Amino acid sequence: MLYQNDLDSTYTNSAKNRMVDFLDLYVADLSKNTEINNYENFLYGKTLHLENGKYRLADVCKIKMCPKEPPTFFEIKMHMDGCKEMLEEMLEENTLSNIKLKGNVYHIKLPPPTDEKLNEVSGKLKLISRTAISNITKIKAETVQRIQKGLQREYIDTIEAAQAKKELNQLFDELRQYFQFLSVNAQRKILGKEFKFSDNFTNAHYDRVVRMINGEVIMDDDED
């Protein structure tokens, strides 16, 4: 249902559009809060003053991040002379001391995040997920009220109201599980092999969402 362009009920279509707005914000929030040991923006906002002019540090140096999650090192390649002093000051300010300079490239080794840090980030991700699901739950409740009012004012009949509620319930259930699926992916990204499924969203639930994303028809009795 998430991938259908138009649903039968205008009430459900309206709810879907509002819920998807929260989905976009949710994805951005999860992404932002899984960036542990990420120094991709280390150079941005810094200006380098030299005798022959003023330069943005990001234009004269380039960052290369380790592809692992979380990253274990990053490199800074200098494309012009005069950057070294400013870079070393910035590295010192950020308490980055495991540094090697080879030619015009700094190699900075990053310490692994502490268990405390991982637990802190994991807790933040869970809070983001609960908040997002709470937001779409409110949209569902408001839509149910709109359907009831439409029925009372005879804008729709009982059959249309029942169909709209059925669509709405299915839409909400799919999106709620999809939100949980995205949260699990974010948790795995930072916790690795330490990640564990919860009773509320198990490995079976995760597999069900994967099947749904792949376009399989999921029967109601497949949920649990």
N, C-alpha and C. Protein backbone atom coordinates (compact mmCIF):
# COMPACT_ATOMS: atom_id res chain seq x y z
N MET A 1 0.82 -1.21 0.00
CA MET A 1 0.00 0.00 0.00
C MET A 1 0.86 1.27 0.00
N LEU A 2 2.00 1.20 0.60
CA LEU A 2 2.90 2.35 0.64
C LEU A 2 3.32 2.79 -0.76
N TYR A 3 3.35 1.84 -1.70
CA TYR A 3 3.85 2.14 -3.04
C TYR A 3 2.73 2.41 -4.04
N GLN A 4 1.46 2.39 -3.59
CA GLN A 4 0.36 2.73 -4.46
C GLN A 4 0.27 4.24 -4.60
N ASN A 5 0.10 4.71 -5.84
CA ASN A 5 0.01 6.15 -6.06
C ASN A 5 -1.29 6.72 -5.50
N ASP A 6 -2.39 6.01 -5.76
CA ASP A 6 -3.70 6.47 -5.30
C ASP A 6 -4.44 5.34 -4.61
N LEU A 7 -4.98 5.64 -3.45
CA LEU A 7 -5.79 4.67 -2.71
C LEU A 7 -7.26 4.96 -3.00
N ASP A 8 -8.13 4.04 -2.63
CA ASP A 8 -9.55 4.20 -2.95
C ASP A 8 -10.18 5.37 -2.20
N SER A 9 -9.76 5.58 -0.97
CA SER A 9 -10.38 6.60 -0.12
C SER A 9 -9.57 7.90 -0.12
N THR A 10 -10.25 9.02 -0.30
CA THR A 10 -9.57 10.32 -0.20
C THR A 10 -9.08 10.57 1.22
N TYR A 11 -9.79 10.02 2.20
CA TYR A 11 -9.36 10.15 3.59
C TYR A 11 -8.00 9.47 3.78
N THR A 12 -7.84 8.28 3.24
CA THR A 12 -6.59 7.54 3.38
C THR A 12 -5.47 8.20 2.58
N ASN A 13 -5.80 8.70 1.40
CA ASN A 13 -4.78 9.40 0.61
C ASN A 13 -4.25 10.61 1.36
N SER A 14 -5.14 11.36 1.98
CA SER A 14 -4.72 12.53 2.74
C SER A 14 -3.83 12.13 3.92
N ALA A 15 -4.23 11.06 4.63
CA ALA A 15 -3.43 10.58 5.77
C ALA A 15 -2.07 10.10 5.29
N LYS A 16 -2.04 9.40 4.17
CA LYS A 16 -0.77 8.89 3.63
C LYS A 16 0.18 10.04 3.33
N ASN A 17 -0.31 11.09 2.68
CA ASN A 17 0.55 12.23 2.35
C ASN A 17 1.15 12.86 3.60
N ARG A 18 0.35 12.98 4.64
CA ARG A 18 0.84 13.57 5.90
C ARG A 18 1.85 12.65 6.58
N MET A 19 1.58 11.34 6.55
CA MET A 19 2.49 10.38 7.17
C MET A 19 3.83 10.33 6.44
N VAL A 20 3.79 10.40 5.11
CA VAL A 20 5.03 10.35 4.33
C VAL A 20 5.90 11.57 4.61
N ASP A 21 5.28 12.71 4.90
CA ASP A 21 6.07 13.89 5.30
C ASP A 21 6.89 13.59 6.54
N PHE A 22 6.29 12.90 7.50
CA PHE A 22 7.02 12.50 8.70
C PHE A 22 8.09 11.47 8.39
N LEU A 23 7.82 10.61 7.41
CA LEU A 23 8.81 9.61 7.01
C LEU A 23 10.08 10.27 6.50
N ASP A 24 9.94 11.30 5.68
CA ASP A 24 11.12 12.00 5.14
C ASP A 24 11.95 12.61 6.27
N LEU A 25 11.28 13.23 7.24
CA LEU A 25 11.98 13.82 8.38
C LEU A 25 12.65 12.74 9.23
N TYR A 26 11.95 11.63 9.38
CA TYR A 26 12.44 10.51 10.18
C TYR A 26 13.73 9.93 9.60
N VAL A 27 13.74 9.70 8.29
CA VAL A 27 14.93 9.16 7.62
C VAL A 27 16.12 10.11 7.82
N ALA A 28 15.87 11.41 7.69
CA ALA A 28 16.95 12.39 7.86
C ALA A 28 17.47 12.38 9.29
N ASP A 29 16.56 12.25 10.26
CA ASP A 29 16.95 12.23 11.68
C ASP A 29 17.79 10.99 12.00
N LEU A 30 17.36 9.84 11.50
CA LEU A 30 18.12 8.62 11.74
C LEU A 30 19.52 8.72 11.15
N SER A 31 19.60 9.22 9.93
CA SER A 31 20.89 9.34 9.25
C SER A 31 21.83 10.26 10.02
N LYS A 32 21.30 11.39 10.46
CA LYS A 32 22.11 12.38 11.17
C LYS A 32 22.65 11.82 12.48
N ASN A 33 21.86 10.97 13.14
CA ASN A 33 22.25 10.47 14.45
C ASN A 33 22.99 9.14 14.43
N THR A 34 23.37 8.67 13.26
CA THR A 34 24.21 7.47 13.18
C THR A 34 25.62 7.81 12.72
N GLU A 35 25.92 9.09 12.61
CA GLU A 35 27.23 9.51 12.11
C GLU A 35 28.24 9.61 13.26
N ILE A 36 28.66 8.46 13.76
CA ILE A 36 29.68 8.40 14.81
C ILE A 36 31.05 8.38 14.15
N ASN A 37 31.98 9.15 14.70
CA ASN A 37 33.34 9.22 14.15
C ASN A 37 33.35 9.71 12.70
N ASN A 38 32.37 10.53 12.35
CA ASN A 38 32.30 11.02 10.97
C ASN A 38 32.87 12.44 10.90
N TYR A 39 33.92 12.60 10.11
CA TYR A 39 34.58 13.90 9.99
C TYR A 39 34.48 14.46 8.58
N GLU A 40 33.44 14.08 7.84
CA GLU A 40 33.30 14.56 6.47
C GLU A 40 33.19 16.08 6.40
N ASN A 41 32.62 16.70 7.43
CA ASN A 41 32.43 18.15 7.43
C ASN A 41 33.49 18.88 8.27
N PHE A 42 34.59 18.19 8.54
CA PHE A 42 35.63 18.75 9.41
C PHE A 42 36.17 20.09 8.88
N LEU A 43 36.24 20.24 7.58
CA LEU A 43 36.87 21.43 7.00
C LEU A 43 35.89 22.58 6.74
N TYR A 44 34.60 22.28 6.75
CA TYR A 44 33.64 23.29 6.31
C TYR A 44 33.51 24.43 7.31
N GLY A 45 33.34 25.62 6.75
CA GLY A 45 33.20 26.81 7.56
C GLY A 45 34.51 27.44 7.99
N LYS A 46 35.64 26.83 7.60
CA LYS A 46 36.95 27.34 7.97
C LYS A 46 37.57 28.08 6.78
N THR A 47 38.20 29.20 7.09
CA THR A 47 38.84 30.02 6.05
C THR A 47 40.33 30.14 6.32
N LEU A 48 41.10 29.99 5.28
CA LEU A 48 42.57 30.04 5.37
C LEU A 48 43.05 31.35 4.74
N HIS A 49 43.83 32.12 5.51
CA HIS A 49 44.38 33.38 5.01
C HIS A 49 45.86 33.21 4.69
N LEU A 50 46.20 33.43 3.45
CA LEU A 50 47.58 33.39 3.00
C LEU A 50 47.95 34.72 2.34
N GLU A 51 49.23 34.90 2.07
CA GLU A 51 49.68 36.16 1.49
C GLU A 51 49.01 36.46 0.15
N ASN A 52 48.73 35.42 -0.61
CA ASN A 52 48.15 35.63 -1.94
C ASN A 52 46.62 35.54 -1.96
N GLY A 53 46.00 35.57 -0.77
CA GLY A 53 44.55 35.61 -0.75
C GLY A 53 43.90 34.79 0.35
N LYS A 54 42.57 34.75 0.31
CA LYS A 54 41.78 34.02 1.29
C LYS A 54 41.11 32.83 0.60
N TYR A 55 41.14 31.66 1.27
CA TYR A 55 40.61 30.44 0.67
C TYR A 55 39.72 29.72 1.67
N ARG A 56 38.72 29.06 1.15
CA ARG A 56 37.95 28.14 1.99
C ARG A 56 38.76 26.87 2.13
N LEU A 57 38.91 26.42 3.36
CA LEU A 57 39.76 25.26 3.62
C LEU A 57 39.23 24.03 2.88
N ALA A 58 37.92 23.93 2.74
CA ALA A 58 37.34 22.78 2.03
C ALA A 58 37.66 22.78 0.55
N ASP A 59 38.08 23.93 0.02
CA ASP A 59 38.43 24.00 -1.40
C ASP A 59 39.89 23.63 -1.67
N VAL A 60 40.73 23.76 -0.65
CA VAL A 60 42.16 23.50 -0.87
C VAL A 60 42.64 22.23 -0.16
N CYS A 61 41.73 21.59 0.59
CA CYS A 61 42.02 20.30 1.22
C CYS A 61 40.81 19.39 1.00
N LYS A 62 41.05 18.10 0.92
CA LYS A 62 39.96 17.15 0.70
C LYS A 62 39.98 16.06 1.77
N ILE A 63 38.78 15.71 2.22
CA ILE A 63 38.60 14.66 3.23
C ILE A 63 38.29 13.33 2.54
N LYS A 64 38.92 12.27 3.02
CA LYS A 64 38.57 10.91 2.61
C LYS A 64 38.29 10.11 3.87
N MET A 65 37.04 9.64 4.00
CA MET A 65 36.66 8.89 5.18
C MET A 65 36.86 7.39 4.97
N CYS A 66 37.22 6.71 6.04
CA CYS A 66 37.26 5.26 6.02
C CYS A 66 35.86 4.72 5.72
N PRO A 67 35.73 3.70 4.86
CA PRO A 67 34.39 3.20 4.48
C PRO A 67 33.69 2.39 5.57
N LYS A 68 34.40 2.03 6.64
CA LYS A 68 33.77 1.23 7.69
C LYS A 68 32.74 2.03 8.47
N GLU A 69 31.85 1.33 9.14
CA GLU A 69 30.86 1.95 10.03
C GLU A 69 31.01 1.39 11.43
N PRO A 70 31.34 2.21 12.42
CA PRO A 70 31.76 3.60 12.27
C PRO A 70 33.19 3.67 11.72
N PRO A 71 33.57 4.80 11.13
CA PRO A 71 34.91 4.93 10.54
C PRO A 71 36.02 4.76 11.58
N THR A 72 37.15 4.19 11.13
CA THR A 72 38.30 4.01 12.03
C THR A 72 39.43 4.99 11.72
N PHE A 73 39.32 5.69 10.60
CA PHE A 73 40.32 6.71 10.27
C PHE A 73 39.73 7.66 9.22
N PHE A 74 40.40 8.79 9.05
CA PHE A 74 40.12 9.63 7.88
C PHE A 74 41.42 10.29 7.45
N GLU A 75 41.43 10.77 6.22
CA GLU A 75 42.62 11.41 5.64
C GLU A 75 42.29 12.80 5.14
N ILE A 76 43.27 13.68 5.26
CA ILE A 76 43.15 15.04 4.72
C ILE A 76 44.28 15.25 3.72
N LYS A 77 43.91 15.48 2.48
CA LYS A 77 44.92 15.74 1.45
C LYS A 77 44.98 17.23 1.17
N MET A 78 46.19 17.81 1.28
CA MET A 78 46.38 19.24 1.05
C MET A 78 46.75 19.49 -0.40
N HIS A 79 46.02 20.38 -1.05
CA HIS A 79 46.26 20.67 -2.46
C HIS A 79 47.05 21.96 -2.68
N MET A 80 47.44 22.62 -1.60
CA MET A 80 48.30 23.80 -1.72
C MET A 80 49.08 23.99 -0.43
N ASP A 81 50.21 24.67 -0.53
CA ASP A 81 51.04 24.92 0.66
C ASP A 81 50.37 25.94 1.57
N GLY A 82 50.71 25.86 2.86
CA GLY A 82 50.22 26.85 3.82
C GLY A 82 49.09 26.36 4.70
N CYS A 83 48.62 25.13 4.47
CA CYS A 83 47.47 24.61 5.24
C CYS A 83 47.89 23.93 6.54
N LYS A 84 49.13 23.51 6.61
CA LYS A 84 49.57 22.61 7.67
C LYS A 84 49.32 23.16 9.07
N GLU A 85 49.71 24.41 9.32
CA GLU A 85 49.59 24.98 10.67
C GLU A 85 48.13 25.01 11.13
N MET A 86 47.24 25.46 10.25
CA MET A 86 45.83 25.56 10.62
C MET A 86 45.22 24.17 10.86
N LEU A 87 45.57 23.20 10.02
CA LEU A 87 45.05 21.85 10.19
C LEU A 87 45.50 21.24 11.51
N GLU A 88 46.77 21.43 11.86
CA GLU A 88 47.27 20.87 13.11
C GLU A 88 46.59 21.49 14.32
N GLU A 89 46.28 22.79 14.23
CA GLU A 89 45.54 23.44 15.32
C GLU A 89 44.14 22.85 15.44
N MET A 90 43.48 22.62 14.29
CA MET A 90 42.14 22.05 14.31
C MET A 90 42.14 20.63 14.86
N LEU A 91 43.13 19.84 14.48
CA LEU A 91 43.23 18.46 14.97
C LEU A 91 43.45 18.44 16.48
N GLU A 92 44.27 19.36 16.95
CA GLU A 92 44.53 19.44 18.39
C GLU A 92 43.28 19.86 19.15
N GLU A 93 42.53 20.82 18.60
CA GLU A 93 41.30 21.28 19.24
C GLU A 93 40.28 20.14 19.37
N ASN A 94 40.32 19.22 18.41
CA ASN A 94 39.38 18.10 18.43
C ASN A 94 39.95 16.86 19.12
N THR A 95 41.06 17.06 19.85
CA THR A 95 41.75 16.00 20.60
C THR A 95 42.06 14.79 19.74
N LEU A 96 42.45 15.04 18.50
CA LEU A 96 42.87 13.98 17.59
C LEU A 96 44.39 13.97 17.56
N SER A 97 44.98 12.94 18.14
CA SER A 97 46.43 12.93 18.31
C SER A 97 47.14 11.79 17.59
N ASN A 98 46.40 10.77 17.16
CA ASN A 98 47.03 9.64 16.47
C ASN A 98 47.11 9.98 14.98
N ILE A 99 48.14 10.76 14.63
CA ILE A 99 48.22 11.38 13.31
C ILE A 99 49.56 11.07 12.66
N LYS A 100 49.51 10.78 11.38
CA LYS A 100 50.73 10.62 10.59
C LYS A 100 50.64 11.52 9.36
N LEU A 101 51.75 12.18 9.05
CA LEU A 101 51.81 13.03 7.86
C LEU A 101 52.78 12.40 6.87
N LYS A 102 52.27 12.07 5.71
CA LYS A 102 53.11 11.50 4.66
C LYS A 102 52.93 12.33 3.40
N GLY A 103 53.98 13.07 3.04
CA GLY A 103 53.86 13.97 1.90
C GLY A 103 52.86 15.07 2.22
N ASN A 104 51.83 15.17 1.42
CA ASN A 104 50.80 16.20 1.64
C ASN A 104 49.50 15.61 2.18
N VAL A 105 49.59 14.41 2.78
CA VAL A 105 48.39 13.73 3.29
C VAL A 105 48.51 13.43 4.78
N TYR A 106 47.54 13.92 5.55
CA TYR A 106 47.42 13.55 6.97
C TYR A 106 46.57 12.28 7.06
N HIS A 107 47.04 11.31 7.83
CA HIS A 107 46.26 10.11 8.13
C HIS A 107 45.95 10.16 9.62
N ILE A 108 44.67 10.26 9.95
CA ILE A 108 44.24 10.40 11.34
C ILE A 108 43.49 9.15 11.77
N LYS A 109 44.05 8.42 12.72
CA LYS A 109 43.39 7.21 13.22
C LYS A 109 42.41 7.61 14.31
N LEU A 110 41.21 7.07 14.24
CA LEU A 110 40.15 7.42 15.19
C LEU A 110 39.97 6.32 16.22
N PRO A 111 39.80 6.69 17.48
CA PRO A 111 39.54 5.67 18.51
C PRO A 111 38.15 5.10 18.33
N PRO A 112 37.95 3.83 18.65
CA PRO A 112 36.59 3.28 18.54
C PRO A 112 35.66 3.95 19.54
N PRO A 113 34.39 4.15 19.18
CA PRO A 113 33.46 4.76 20.13
C PRO A 113 33.30 3.89 21.37
N THR A 114 33.19 4.52 22.51
CA THR A 114 33.04 3.79 23.77
C THR A 114 31.65 3.16 23.86
N ASP A 115 31.51 2.17 24.72
CA ASP A 115 30.20 1.56 24.95
C ASP A 115 29.19 2.60 25.41
N GLU A 116 29.67 3.53 26.22
CA GLU A 116 28.79 4.60 26.71
C GLU A 116 28.24 5.43 25.55
N LYS A 117 29.14 5.76 24.59
CA LYS A 117 28.73 6.55 23.44
C LYS A 117 27.75 5.77 22.57
N LEU A 118 28.02 4.49 22.34
CA LEU A 118 27.12 3.67 21.53
C LEU A 118 25.75 3.55 22.17
N ASN A 119 25.71 3.37 23.50
CA ASN A 119 24.43 3.29 24.20
C ASN A 119 23.67 4.61 24.14
N GLU A 120 24.42 5.70 24.20
CA GLU A 120 23.80 7.03 24.11
C GLU A 120 23.14 7.22 22.74
N VAL A 121 23.87 6.87 21.69
CA VAL A 121 23.33 7.02 20.33
C VAL A 121 22.17 6.06 20.10
N SER A 122 22.30 4.83 20.59
CA SER A 122 21.23 3.86 20.46
C SER A 122 19.94 4.35 21.13
N GLY A 123 20.09 4.92 22.31
CA GLY A 123 18.93 5.47 23.02
C GLY A 123 18.28 6.61 22.25
N LYS A 124 19.12 7.44 21.63
CA LYS A 124 18.59 8.56 20.84
C LYS A 124 17.81 8.03 19.63
N LEU A 125 18.31 7.00 18.98
CA LEU A 125 17.63 6.42 17.83
C LEU A 125 16.27 5.84 18.22
N LYS A 126 16.23 5.19 19.37
CA LYS A 126 14.96 4.63 19.85
C LYS A 126 13.95 5.73 20.14
N LEU A 127 14.43 6.84 20.71
CA LEU A 127 13.54 7.97 20.99
C LEU A 127 13.01 8.58 19.69
N ILE A 128 13.87 8.72 18.70
CA ILE A 128 13.46 9.25 17.39
C ILE A 128 12.38 8.36 16.78
N SER A 129 12.58 7.04 16.90
CA SER A 129 11.60 6.10 16.35
C SER A 129 10.26 6.20 17.07
N ARG A 130 10.30 6.24 18.40
CA ARG A 130 9.04 6.34 19.17
C ARG A 130 8.29 7.63 18.83
N THR A 131 9.03 8.72 18.68
CA THR A 131 8.40 10.00 18.36
C THR A 131 7.76 9.97 16.98
N ALA A 132 8.46 9.38 16.01
CA ALA A 132 7.93 9.30 14.64
C ALA A 132 6.66 8.46 14.60
N ILE A 133 6.66 7.33 15.30
CA ILE A 133 5.48 6.47 15.32
C ILE A 133 4.33 7.16 16.05
N SER A 134 4.65 7.92 17.09
CA SER A 134 3.62 8.69 17.80
C SER A 134 2.97 9.71 16.87
N ASN A 135 3.78 10.33 16.01
CA ASN A 135 3.27 11.34 15.07
C ASN A 135 2.28 10.72 14.08
N ILE A 136 2.61 9.55 13.53
CA ILE A 136 1.69 8.96 12.56
C ILE A 136 0.48 8.33 13.25
N THR A 137 0.64 7.97 14.54
CA THR A 137 -0.52 7.47 15.31
C THR A 137 -1.54 8.59 15.48
N LYS A 138 -1.07 9.81 15.71
CA LYS A 138 -1.97 10.97 15.84
C LYS A 138 -2.70 11.22 14.53
N ILE A 139 -1.98 11.09 13.41
CA ILE A 139 -2.61 11.29 12.10
C ILE A 139 -3.70 10.24 11.88
N LYS A 140 -3.43 9.01 12.28
CA LYS A 140 -4.44 7.95 12.15
C LYS A 140 -5.69 8.30 12.96
N ALA A 141 -5.48 8.72 14.21
CA ALA A 141 -6.61 9.05 15.09
C ALA A 141 -7.42 10.22 14.52
N GLU A 142 -6.73 11.22 14.02
CA GLU A 142 -7.43 12.38 13.43
C GLU A 142 -8.21 11.97 12.19
N THR A 143 -7.66 11.06 11.40
CA THR A 143 -8.34 10.61 10.19
C THR A 143 -9.59 9.80 10.52
N VAL A 144 -9.50 8.98 11.55
CA VAL A 144 -10.68 8.22 11.99
C VAL A 144 -11.79 9.19 12.38
N GLN A 145 -11.45 10.28 13.06
CA GLN A 145 -12.44 11.29 13.45
C GLN A 145 -13.07 11.93 12.21
N ARG A 146 -12.24 12.20 11.19
CA ARG A 146 -12.76 12.80 9.96
C ARG A 146 -13.71 11.84 9.25
N ILE A 147 -13.38 10.55 9.25
CA ILE A 147 -14.27 9.56 8.63
C ILE A 147 -15.61 9.52 9.37
N GLN A 148 -15.55 9.55 10.70
CA GLN A 148 -16.78 9.52 11.50
C GLN A 148 -17.65 10.74 11.22
N LYS A 149 -17.01 11.90 11.11
CA LYS A 149 -17.78 13.12 10.81
C LYS A 149 -18.38 13.06 9.41
N GLY A 150 -17.61 12.51 8.46
CA GLY A 150 -18.12 12.36 7.10
C GLY A 150 -19.33 11.45 7.05
N LEU A 151 -19.29 10.42 7.88
CA LEU A 151 -20.42 9.48 7.95
C LEU A 151 -21.65 10.15 8.59
N GLN A 152 -21.42 10.88 9.66
CA GLN A 152 -22.52 11.56 10.36
C GLN A 152 -23.20 12.61 9.47
N ARG A 153 -22.38 13.29 8.66
CA ARG A 153 -22.93 14.35 7.80
C ARG A 153 -23.36 13.82 6.43
N GLU A 154 -23.27 12.50 6.29
CA GLU A 154 -23.72 11.80 5.09
C GLU A 154 -22.91 12.18 3.85
N TYR A 155 -21.62 12.57 4.05
CA TYR A 155 -20.72 12.75 2.91
C TYR A 155 -20.33 11.39 2.33
N ILE A 156 -20.30 10.39 3.20
CA ILE A 156 -20.00 9.01 2.79
C ILE A 156 -20.99 8.09 3.46
N ASP A 157 -21.15 6.88 2.89
CA ASP A 157 -22.07 5.92 3.51
C ASP A 157 -21.26 4.93 4.36
N THR A 158 -21.96 4.00 5.00
CA THR A 158 -21.31 3.07 5.94
C THR A 158 -20.30 2.16 5.24
N ILE A 159 -20.60 1.78 3.99
CA ILE A 159 -19.66 0.92 3.26
C ILE A 159 -18.36 1.67 2.96
N GLU A 160 -18.49 2.94 2.52
CA GLU A 160 -17.31 3.77 2.22
C GLU A 160 -16.50 4.04 3.49
N ALA A 161 -17.20 4.27 4.61
CA ALA A 161 -16.52 4.52 5.88
C ALA A 161 -15.74 3.29 6.33
N ALA A 162 -16.35 2.12 6.19
CA ALA A 162 -15.69 0.88 6.59
C ALA A 162 -14.46 0.62 5.72
N GLN A 163 -14.60 0.87 4.41
CA GLN A 163 -13.47 0.67 3.50
C GLN A 163 -12.34 1.64 3.82
N ALA A 164 -12.68 2.90 4.12
CA ALA A 164 -11.67 3.90 4.44
C ALA A 164 -10.90 3.52 5.71
N LYS A 165 -11.64 3.03 6.73
CA LYS A 165 -10.99 2.61 7.97
C LYS A 165 -10.09 1.41 7.74
N LYS A 166 -10.54 0.49 6.89
CA LYS A 166 -9.73 -0.69 6.59
C LYS A 166 -8.42 -0.28 5.90
N GLU A 167 -8.52 0.60 4.92
CA GLU A 167 -7.34 1.10 4.22
C GLU A 167 -6.40 1.83 5.18
N LEU A 168 -7.01 2.65 6.04
CA LEU A 168 -6.22 3.44 6.99
C LEU A 168 -5.46 2.53 7.94
N ASN A 169 -6.11 1.50 8.47
CA ASN A 169 -5.44 0.57 9.38
C ASN A 169 -4.28 -0.14 8.69
N GLN A 170 -4.50 -0.56 7.44
CA GLN A 170 -3.43 -1.25 6.71
C GLN A 170 -2.26 -0.31 6.44
N LEU A 171 -2.59 0.92 6.02
CA LEU A 171 -1.55 1.91 5.77
C LEU A 171 -0.73 2.17 7.03
N PHE A 172 -1.42 2.38 8.15
CA PHE A 172 -0.72 2.66 9.40
C PHE A 172 0.16 1.50 9.82
N ASP A 173 -0.37 0.28 9.74
CA ASP A 173 0.41 -0.90 10.16
C ASP A 173 1.66 -1.05 9.30
N GLU A 174 1.52 -0.85 8.00
CA GLU A 174 2.68 -0.98 7.12
C GLU A 174 3.72 0.08 7.41
N LEU A 175 3.26 1.31 7.59
CA LEU A 175 4.21 2.40 7.82
C LEU A 175 4.87 2.28 9.19
N ARG A 176 4.09 1.87 10.20
CA ARG A 176 4.67 1.68 11.54
C ARG A 176 5.78 0.63 11.49
N GLN A 177 5.51 -0.48 10.81
CA GLN A 177 6.54 -1.52 10.70
C GLN A 177 7.74 -1.05 9.88
N TYR A 178 7.48 -0.23 8.87
CA TYR A 178 8.57 0.31 8.06
C TYR A 178 9.44 1.25 8.90
N PHE A 179 8.81 2.05 9.76
CA PHE A 179 9.56 2.92 10.67
C PHE A 179 10.45 2.08 11.59
N GLN A 180 9.90 0.98 12.11
CA GLN A 180 10.68 0.10 12.98
C GLN A 180 11.82 -0.57 12.21
N PHE A 181 11.55 -0.95 10.99
CA PHE A 181 12.57 -1.54 10.10
C PHE A 181 13.73 -0.57 9.91
N LEU A 182 13.44 0.69 9.63
CA LEU A 182 14.49 1.69 9.45
C LEU A 182 15.27 1.93 10.74
N SER A 183 14.57 1.88 11.86
CA SER A 183 15.24 2.03 13.15
C SER A 183 16.22 0.89 13.39
N VAL A 184 15.80 -0.34 13.07
CA VAL A 184 16.68 -1.50 13.22
C VAL A 184 17.93 -1.34 12.36
N ASN A 185 17.76 -0.89 11.12
CA ASN A 185 18.92 -0.69 10.25
C ASN A 185 19.89 0.32 10.83
N ALA A 186 19.35 1.39 11.42
CA ALA A 186 20.20 2.40 12.04
C ALA A 186 20.91 1.84 13.27
N GLN A 187 20.19 1.05 14.07
CA GLN A 187 20.78 0.43 15.26
C GLN A 187 21.91 -0.52 14.87
N ARG A 188 21.66 -1.32 13.83
CA ARG A 188 22.69 -2.27 13.37
C ARG A 188 23.94 -1.54 12.88
N LYS A 189 23.73 -0.40 12.27
CA LYS A 189 24.84 0.37 11.71
C LYS A 189 25.83 0.77 12.79
N ILE A 190 25.33 1.11 13.96
CA ILE A 190 26.23 1.57 15.02
C ILE A 190 26.60 0.47 16.01
N LEU A 191 25.71 -0.51 16.21
CA LEU A 191 25.97 -1.54 17.22
C LEU A 191 26.62 -2.79 16.65
N GLY A 192 26.49 -2.99 15.33
CA GLY A 192 27.10 -4.17 14.72
C GLY A 192 26.59 -5.46 15.34
N LYS A 193 27.51 -6.35 15.70
CA LYS A 193 27.13 -7.66 16.22
C LYS A 193 26.50 -7.58 17.61
N GLU A 194 26.56 -6.43 18.27
CA GLU A 194 25.95 -6.27 19.59
C GLU A 194 24.46 -5.98 19.51
N PHE A 195 23.96 -5.73 18.29
CA PHE A 195 22.54 -5.43 18.14
C PHE A 195 21.67 -6.64 18.47
N LYS A 196 20.54 -6.38 19.13
CA LYS A 196 19.57 -7.43 19.42
C LYS A 196 18.17 -6.93 19.10
N PHE A 197 17.36 -7.82 18.49
CA PHE A 197 15.97 -7.47 18.22
C PHE A 197 15.19 -7.39 19.54
N SER A 198 14.11 -6.61 19.51
CA SER A 198 13.26 -6.50 20.70
C SER A 198 12.05 -7.42 20.54
N ASP A 199 11.29 -7.58 21.61
CA ASP A 199 10.07 -8.40 21.56
C ASP A 199 9.01 -7.73 20.68
N ASN A 200 9.04 -6.39 20.62
CA ASN A 200 8.04 -5.66 19.84
C ASN A 200 8.31 -5.69 18.35
N PHE A 201 9.58 -5.91 17.97
CA PHE A 201 9.93 -5.98 16.56
C PHE A 201 11.03 -7.03 16.41
N THR A 202 10.62 -8.22 16.05
CA THR A 202 11.52 -9.36 16.02
C THR A 202 12.15 -9.53 14.64
N ASN A 203 13.02 -10.52 14.53
CA ASN A 203 13.63 -10.84 13.24
C ASN A 203 12.56 -11.23 12.22
N ALA A 204 11.51 -11.90 12.68
CA ALA A 204 10.42 -12.29 11.79
C ALA A 204 9.69 -11.06 11.25
N HIS A 205 9.48 -10.05 12.12
CA HIS A 205 8.85 -8.81 11.67
C HIS A 205 9.74 -8.12 10.63
N TYR A 206 11.03 -8.13 10.88
CA TYR A 206 11.99 -7.50 9.96
C TYR A 206 11.90 -8.17 8.58
N ASP A 207 11.90 -9.49 8.57
CA ASP A 207 11.83 -10.23 7.31
C ASP A 207 10.52 -9.95 6.58
N ARG A 208 9.46 -9.78 7.35
CA ARG A 208 8.15 -9.48 6.74
C ARG A 208 8.19 -8.15 6.01
N VAL A 209 8.84 -7.14 6.60
CA VAL A 209 8.94 -5.84 5.94
C VAL A 209 9.80 -5.94 4.68
N VAL A 210 10.86 -6.72 4.74
CA VAL A 210 11.69 -6.93 3.55
C VAL A 210 10.85 -7.52 2.42
N ARG A 211 10.03 -8.49 2.76
CA ARG A 211 9.16 -9.11 1.75
C ARG A 211 8.16 -8.10 1.20
N MET A 212 7.65 -7.24 2.08
CA MET A 212 6.70 -6.21 1.66
C MET A 212 7.37 -5.23 0.71
N ILE A 213 8.60 -4.83 1.04
CA ILE A 213 9.35 -3.91 0.18
C ILE A 213 9.61 -4.53 -1.19
N ASN A 214 9.83 -5.84 -1.20
CA ASN A 214 10.10 -6.55 -2.45
C ASN A 214 8.85 -6.84 -3.27
N GLY A 215 7.71 -6.37 -2.76
CA GLY A 215 6.47 -6.47 -3.54
C GLY A 215 5.68 -7.74 -3.32
N GLU A 216 6.06 -8.54 -2.32
CA GLU A 216 5.30 -9.75 -2.06
C GLU A 216 3.96 -9.41 -1.40
N VAL A 217 2.97 -10.18 -1.69
CA VAL A 217 1.67 -10.02 -1.05
C VAL A 217 1.72 -10.72 0.31
N ILE A 218 1.53 -9.95 1.36
CA ILE A 218 1.61 -10.48 2.72
C ILE A 218 0.21 -10.73 3.26
N MET A 219 -0.07 -11.97 3.63
CA MET A 219 -1.37 -12.29 4.20
C MET A 219 -1.42 -11.90 5.67
N ASP A 220 -2.59 -11.62 6.19
CA ASP A 220 -2.75 -11.21 7.58
C ASP A 220 -2.18 -12.22 8.56
N ASP A 221 -2.31 -13.53 8.23
CA ASP A 221 -1.84 -14.56 9.16
C ASP A 221 -0.33 -14.72 9.10
N ASP A 222 0.35 -13.93 8.24
CA ASP A 222 1.82 -13.97 8.19
C ASP A 222 2.45 -13.02 9.19
N GLU A 223 1.64 -12.18 9.87
CA GLU A 223 2.20 -11.12 10.70
C GLU A 223 2.95 -11.68 11.89
N ASP A 224 2.46 -12.68 12.51
CA ASP A 224 3.11 -13.19 13.74
C ASP A 224 3.52 -14.62 13.58
